[in-house]
Amino acid sequence: MMFLKSGELYWDGSAFQADYRKGVVFGAMMAAGKYLRQANRIDPKCQIVPLTDRQGREIQSIQKR
């Protein structure tokens, strides 16, 4: 699982914002391609980064509800 990130901000599908829980979570690099092109227009240095263990556990617990 991965996020698209710019500094400390996370991509939510249309902009970078601070709350990672609102960020789009990708399961594969191919899925991130569309958003990466959009995000690169805002920040050409944005990166695809893995979720931390804590973020992964939190997202999994939210999905189980």
PDB file of N, CA and C in Angstrom:
ATOM      1  N   MET A   1       0.835  -1.160   0.000  1.00  0.00           N
ATOM      2  CA  MET A   1       0.000   0.000   0.000  1.00  0.00           C
ATOM      3  C   MET A   1       0.895   1.244   0.000  1.00  0.00           C
ATOM      4  N   MET A   2       0.474   2.217  -0.804  1.00  0.00           N
ATOM      5  CA  MET A   2       1.314   3.395  -1.003  1.00  0.00           C
ATOM      6  C   MET A   2       0.488   4.675  -1.027  1.00  0.00           C
ATOM      7  N   PHE A   3       1.147   5.781  -0.710  1.00  0.00           N
ATOM      8  CA  PHE A   3       0.605   7.124  -0.841  1.00  0.00           C
ATOM      9  C   PHE A   3       1.396   7.884  -1.889  1.00  0.00           C
ATOM     10  N   LEU A   4       0.798   8.898  -2.439  1.00  0.00           N
ATOM     11  CA  LEU A   4       1.490   9.883  -3.260  1.00  0.00           C
ATOM     12  C   LEU A   4       1.701  11.081  -2.346  1.00  0.00           C
ATOM     13  N   LYS A   5       2.945  11.498  -2.167  1.00  0.00           N
ATOM     14  CA  LYS A   5       3.274  12.461  -1.130  1.00  0.00           C
ATOM     15  C   LYS A   5       4.153  13.593  -1.658  1.00  0.00           C
ATOM     16  N   SER A   6       3.905  14.791  -1.134  1.00  0.00           N
ATOM     17  CA  SER A   6       4.713  15.975  -1.413  1.00  0.00           C
ATOM     18  C   SER A   6       5.144  16.550  -0.077  1.00  0.00           C
ATOM     19  N   GLY A   7       6.413  16.381   0.270  1.00  0.00           N
ATOM     20  CA  GLY A   7       6.871  16.818   1.591  1.00  0.00           C
ATOM     21  C   GLY A   7       6.097  16.083   2.666  1.00  0.00           C
ATOM     22  N   GLU A   8       5.332  16.803   3.484  1.00  0.00           N
ATOM     23  CA  GLU A   8       4.507  16.197   4.534  1.00  0.00           C
ATOM     24  C   GLU A   8       3.033  16.151   4.143  1.00  0.00           C
ATOM     25  N   LEU A   9       2.722  16.403   2.875  1.00  0.00           N
ATOM     26  CA  LEU A   9       1.338  16.438   2.407  1.00  0.00           C
ATOM     27  C   LEU A   9       1.016  15.207   1.570  1.00  0.00           C
ATOM     28  N   TYR A  10      -0.244  14.791   1.603  1.00  0.00           N
ATOM     29  CA  TYR A  10      -0.709  13.575   0.926  1.00  0.00           C
ATOM     30  C   TYR A  10      -1.719  13.925  -0.158  1.00  0.00           C
ATOM     31  N   TRP A  11      -1.644  13.226  -1.271  1.00  0.00           N
ATOM     32  CA  TRP A  11      -2.536  13.457  -2.404  1.00  0.00           C
ATOM     33  C   TRP A  11      -3.915  12.881  -2.112  1.00  0.00           C
ATOM     34  N   ASP A  12      -4.967  13.711  -2.281  1.00  0.00           N
ATOM     35  CA  ASP A  12      -6.327  13.230  -2.026  1.00  0.00           C
ATOM     36  C   ASP A  12      -7.129  12.996  -3.305  1.00  0.00           C
ATOM     37  N   GLY A  13      -6.456  13.063  -4.439  1.00  0.00           N
ATOM     38  CA  GLY A  13      -7.117  12.855  -5.717  1.00  0.00           C
ATOM     39  C   GLY A  13      -7.234  14.127  -6.535  1.00  0.00           C
ATOM     40  N   SER A  14      -7.101  15.279  -5.848  1.00  0.00           N
ATOM     41  CA  SER A  14      -7.157  16.549  -6.580  1.00  0.00           C
ATOM     42  C   SER A  14      -6.170  17.582  -6.048  1.00  0.00           C
ATOM     43  N   ALA A  15      -5.672  17.386  -4.830  1.00  0.00           N
ATOM     44  CA  ALA A  15      -4.732  18.343  -4.231  1.00  0.00           C
ATOM     45  C   ALA A  15      -3.933  17.635  -3.141  1.00  0.00           C
ATOM     46  N   PHE A  16      -2.852  18.261  -2.716  1.00  0.00           N
ATOM     47  CA  PHE A  16      -2.086  17.769  -1.576  1.00  0.00           C
ATOM     48  C   PHE A  16      -2.661  18.391  -0.308  1.00  0.00           C
ATOM     49  N   GLN A  17      -2.843  17.589   0.739  1.00  0.00           N
ATOM     50  CA  GLN A  17      -3.370  18.074   2.006  1.00  0.00           C
ATOM     51  C   GLN A  17      -2.708  17.301   3.146  1.00  0.00           C
ATOM     52  N   ALA A  18      -2.877  17.776   4.366  1.00  0.00           N
ATOM     53  CA  ALA A  18      -2.093  17.266   5.496  1.00  0.00           C
ATOM     54  C   ALA A  18      -2.584  15.948   6.102  1.00  0.00           C
ATOM     55  N   ASP A  19      -3.860  15.624   6.038  1.00  0.00           N
ATOM     56  CA  ASP A  19      -4.397  14.445   6.724  1.00  0.00           C
ATOM     57  C   ASP A  19      -4.245  13.206   5.849  1.00  0.00           C
ATOM     58  N   TYR A  20      -3.358  12.291   6.239  1.00  0.00           N
ATOM     59  CA  TYR A  20      -3.123  11.096   5.422  1.00  0.00           C
ATOM     60  C   TYR A  20      -4.366  10.220   5.319  1.00  0.00           C
ATOM     61  N   ARG A  21      -5.283  10.319   6.286  1.00  0.00           N
ATOM     62  CA  ARG A  21      -6.511   9.514   6.229  1.00  0.00           C
ATOM     63  C   ARG A  21      -7.416   9.931   5.073  1.00  0.00           C
ATOM     64  N   LYS A  22      -7.187  11.123   4.532  1.00  0.00           N
ATOM     65  CA  LYS A  22      -7.943  11.584   3.365  1.00  0.00           C
ATOM     66  C   LYS A  22      -7.193  11.304   2.070  1.00  0.00           C
ATOM     67  N   GLY A  23      -5.967  10.826   2.186  1.00  0.00           N
ATOM     68  CA  GLY A  23      -5.147  10.543   1.016  1.00  0.00           C
ATOM     69  C   GLY A  23      -5.594   9.286   0.289  1.00  0.00           C
ATOM     70  N   VAL A  24      -5.360   9.261  -1.004  1.00  0.00           N
ATOM     71  CA  VAL A  24      -5.657   8.085  -1.815  1.00  0.00           C
ATOM     72  C   VAL A  24      -4.601   7.028  -1.508  1.00  0.00           C
ATOM     73  N   VAL A  25      -5.047   5.805  -1.237  1.00  0.00           N
ATOM     74  CA  VAL A  25      -4.136   4.687  -0.962  1.00  0.00           C
ATOM     75  C   VAL A  25      -4.109   3.798  -2.203  1.00  0.00           C
ATOM     76  N   PHE A  26      -2.907   3.531  -2.699  1.00  0.00           N
ATOM     77  CA  PHE A  26      -2.730   2.716  -3.899  1.00  0.00           C
ATOM     78  C   PHE A  26      -2.208   1.342  -3.519  1.00  0.00           C
ATOM     79  N   GLY A  27      -2.747   0.328  -4.168  1.00  0.00           N
ATOM     80  CA  GLY A  27      -2.260  -1.022  -3.941  1.00  0.00           C
ATOM     81  C   GLY A  27      -1.228  -1.435  -4.969  1.00  0.00           C
ATOM     82  N   ALA A  28      -1.121  -0.668  -6.053  1.00  0.00           N
ATOM     83  CA  ALA A  28      -0.180  -1.000  -7.130  1.00  0.00           C
ATOM     84  C   ALA A  28       0.322   0.283  -7.783  1.00  0.00           C
ATOM     85  N   MET A  29       1.543   0.229  -8.296  1.00  0.00           N
ATOM     86  CA  MET A  29       2.118   1.391  -8.971  1.00  0.00           C
ATOM     87  C   MET A  29       1.288   1.812 -10.182  1.00  0.00           C
ATOM     88  N   MET A  30       0.726   0.854 -10.890  1.00  0.00           N
ATOM     89  CA  MET A  30      -0.076   1.182 -12.074  1.00  0.00           C
ATOM     90  C   MET A  30      -1.272   2.048 -11.700  1.00  0.00           C
ATOM     91  N   ALA A  31      -1.871   1.788 -10.558  1.00  0.00           N
ATOM     92  CA  ALA A  31      -3.028   2.564 -10.119  1.00  0.00           C
ATOM     93  C   ALA A  31      -2.651   4.011  -9.820  1.00  0.00           C
ATOM     94  N   ALA A  32      -1.428   4.242  -9.414  1.00  0.00           N
ATOM     95  CA  ALA A  32      -0.979   5.584  -9.064  1.00  0.00           C
ATOM     96  C   ALA A  32      -0.626   6.426 -10.287  1.00  0.00           C
ATOM     97  N   GLY A  33      -0.458   5.808 -11.444  1.00  0.00           N
ATOM     98  CA  GLY A  33       0.004   6.518 -12.638  1.00  0.00           C
ATOM     99  C   GLY A  33      -0.830   7.725 -13.023  1.00  0.00           C
ATOM    100  N   LYS A  34      -2.149   7.580 -13.055  1.00  0.00           N
ATOM    101  CA  LYS A  34      -3.039   8.688 -13.409  1.00  0.00           C
ATOM    102  C   LYS A  34      -2.852   9.865 -12.454  1.00  0.00           C
ATOM    103  N   TYR A  35      -2.858   9.571 -11.153  1.00  0.00           N
ATOM    104  CA  TYR A  35      -2.728  10.626 -10.162  1.00  0.00           C
ATOM    105  C   TYR A  35      -1.326  11.224 -10.138  1.00  0.00           C
ATOM    106  N   LEU A  36      -0.340  10.415 -10.434  1.00  0.00           N
ATOM    107  CA  LEU A  36       1.031  10.916 -10.451  1.00  0.00           C
ATOM    108  C   LEU A  36       1.195  11.993 -11.514  1.00  0.00           C
ATOM    109  N   ARG A  37       0.593  11.795 -12.661  1.00  0.00           N
ATOM    110  CA  ARG A  37       0.664  12.822 -13.717  1.00  0.00           C
ATOM    111  C   ARG A  37      -0.010  14.121 -13.269  1.00  0.00           C
ATOM    112  N   GLN A  38      -1.158  14.031 -12.611  1.00  0.00           N
ATOM    113  CA  GLN A  38      -1.854  15.218 -12.108  1.00  0.00           C
ATOM    114  C   GLN A  38      -1.023  15.911 -11.032  1.00  0.00           C
ATOM    115  N   ALA A  39      -0.529  15.140 -10.087  1.00  0.00           N
ATOM    116  CA  ALA A  39       0.218  15.692  -8.962  1.00  0.00           C
ATOM    117  C   ALA A  39       1.541  16.307  -9.401  1.00  0.00           C
ATOM    118  N   ASN A  40       2.163  15.748 -10.429  1.00  0.00           N
ATOM    119  CA  ASN A  40       3.433  16.284 -10.920  1.00  0.00           C
ATOM    120  C   ASN A  40       3.297  17.708 -11.422  1.00  0.00           C
ATOM    121  N   ARG A  41       2.115  18.094 -11.867  1.00  0.00           N
ATOM    122  CA  ARG A  41       1.898  19.477 -12.302  1.00  0.00           C
ATOM    123  C   ARG A  41       1.983  20.439 -11.119  1.00  0.00           C
ATOM    124  N   ILE A  42       1.598  19.961  -9.935  1.00  0.00           N
ATOM    125  CA  ILE A  42       1.646  20.780  -8.722  1.00  0.00           C
ATOM    126  C   ILE A  42       3.024  20.704  -8.080  1.00  0.00           C
ATOM    127  N   ASP A  43       3.557  19.508  -7.972  1.00  0.00           N
ATOM    128  CA  ASP A  43       4.884  19.296  -7.388  1.00  0.00           C
ATOM    129  C   ASP A  43       5.632  18.243  -8.191  1.00  0.00           C
ATOM    130  N   PRO A  44       6.521  18.689  -9.083  1.00  0.00           N
ATOM    131  CA  PRO A  44       7.265  17.735  -9.907  1.00  0.00           C
ATOM    132  C   PRO A  44       8.140  16.769  -9.103  1.00  0.00           C
ATOM    133  N   LYS A  45       8.388  17.069  -7.847  1.00  0.00           N
ATOM    134  CA  LYS A  45       9.235  16.208  -7.021  1.00  0.00           C
ATOM    135  C   LYS A  45       8.427  15.302  -6.091  1.00  0.00           C
ATOM    136  N   CYS A  46       7.098  15.237  -6.276  1.00  0.00           N
ATOM    137  CA  CYS A  46       6.290  14.366  -5.405  1.00  0.00           C
ATOM    138  C   CYS A  46       6.726  12.918  -5.596  1.00  0.00           C
ATOM    139  N   GLN A  47       6.454  12.104  -4.584  1.00  0.00           N
ATOM    140  CA  GLN A  47       6.932  10.723  -4.592  1.00  0.00           C
ATOM    141  C   GLN A  47       5.827   9.759  -4.176  1.00  0.00           C
ATOM    142  N   ILE A  48       5.947   8.528  -4.631  1.00  0.00           N
ATOM    143  CA  ILE A  48       5.088   7.461  -4.157  1.00  0.00           C
ATOM    144  C   ILE A  48       5.842   6.793  -3.012  1.00  0.00           C
ATOM    145  N   VAL A  49       5.204   6.775  -1.830  1.00  0.00           N
ATOM    146  CA  VAL A  49       5.860   6.239  -0.631  1.00  0.00           C
ATOM    147  C   VAL A  49       4.975   5.175   0.017  1.00  0.00           C
ATOM    148  N   PRO A  50       5.571   4.182   0.669  1.00  0.00           N
ATOM    149  CA  PRO A  50       4.770   3.160   1.351  1.00  0.00           C
ATOM    150  C   PRO A  50       4.136   3.725   2.626  1.00  0.00           C
ATOM    151  N   LEU A  51       3.006   3.160   3.014  1.00  0.00           N
ATOM    152  CA  LEU A  51       2.390   3.507   4.285  1.00  0.00           C
ATOM    153  C   LEU A  51       3.307   3.039   5.403  1.00  0.00           C
ATOM    154  N   THR A  52       3.330   3.767   6.494  1.00  0.00           N
ATOM    155  CA  THR A  52       4.045   3.283   7.674  1.00  0.00           C
ATOM    156  C   THR A  52       3.222   2.155   8.287  1.00  0.00           C
ATOM    157  N   ASP A  53       3.814   1.401   9.181  1.00  0.00           N
ATOM    158  CA  ASP A  53       3.084   0.320   9.856  1.00  0.00           C
ATOM    159  C   ASP A  53       1.848   0.857  10.576  1.00  0.00           C
ATOM    160  N   ARG A  54       1.996   1.978  11.257  1.00  0.00           N
ATOM    161  CA  ARG A  54       0.881   2.579  11.997  1.00  0.00           C
ATOM    162  C   ARG A  54      -0.236   3.002  11.053  1.00  0.00           C
ATOM    163  N   GLN A  55       0.107   3.648   9.942  1.00  0.00           N
ATOM    164  CA  GLN A  55      -0.901   4.056   8.962  1.00  0.00           C
ATOM    165  C   GLN A  55      -1.623   2.840   8.387  1.00  0.00           C
ATOM    166  N   GLY A  56      -0.879   1.804   8.084  1.00  0.00           N
ATOM    167  CA  GLY A  56      -1.469   0.584   7.534  1.00  0.00           C
ATOM    168  C   GLY A  56      -2.455  -0.052   8.494  1.00  0.00           C
ATOM    169  N   ARG A  57      -2.075  -0.139   9.773  1.00  0.00           N
ATOM    170  CA  ARG A  57      -2.975  -0.717  10.784  1.00  0.00           C
ATOM    171  C   ARG A  57      -4.235   0.121  10.935  1.00  0.00           C
ATOM    172  N   GLU A  58      -4.071   1.440  10.939  1.00  0.00           N
ATOM    173  CA  GLU A  58      -5.231   2.323  11.101  1.00  0.00           C
ATOM    174  C   GLU A  58      -6.182   2.197   9.903  1.00  0.00           C
ATOM    175  N   ILE A  59      -5.654   2.180   8.721  1.00  0.00           N
ATOM    176  CA  ILE A  59      -6.488   2.065   7.523  1.00  0.00           C
ATOM    177  C   ILE A  59      -7.188   0.702   7.482  1.00  0.00           C
ATOM    178  N   GLN A  60      -6.501  -0.357   7.876  1.00  0.00           N
ATOM    179  CA  GLN A  60      -7.131  -1.674   7.917  1.00  0.00           C
ATOM    180  C   GLN A  60      -8.260  -1.725   8.941  1.00  0.00           C
ATOM    181  N   SER A  61      -8.076  -1.070  10.076  1.00  0.00           N
ATOM    182  CA  SER A  61      -9.136  -1.077  11.100  1.00  0.00           C
ATOM    183  C   SER A  61     -10.340  -0.271  10.621  1.00  0.00           C
ATOM    184  N   ILE A  62     -10.127   0.793   9.872  1.00  0.00           N
ATOM    185  CA  ILE A  62     -11.229   1.590   9.315  1.00  0.00           C
ATOM    186  C   ILE A  62     -11.986   0.770   8.284  1.00  0.00           C
ATOM    187  N   GLN A  63     -11.267   0.027   7.457  1.00  0.00           N
ATOM    188  CA  GLN A  63     -11.902  -0.769   6.399  1.00  0.00           C
ATOM    189  C   GLN A  63     -12.742  -1.898   6.966  1.00  0.00           C
ATOM    190  N   LYS A  64     -12.408  -2.402   8.150  1.00  0.00           N
ATOM    191  CA  LYS A  64     -13.136  -3.515   8.769  1.00  0.00           C
ATOM    192  C   LYS A  64     -14.469  -3.068   9.362  1.00  0.00           C
ATOM    193  N   ARG A  65     -14.641  -1.778   9.568  1.00  0.00           N
ATOM    194  CA  ARG A  65     -15.881  -1.277  10.184  1.00  0.00           C
ATOM    195  C   ARG A  65     -17.042  -1.372   9.247  1.00  0.00           C
TER     196      ARG A  65
END
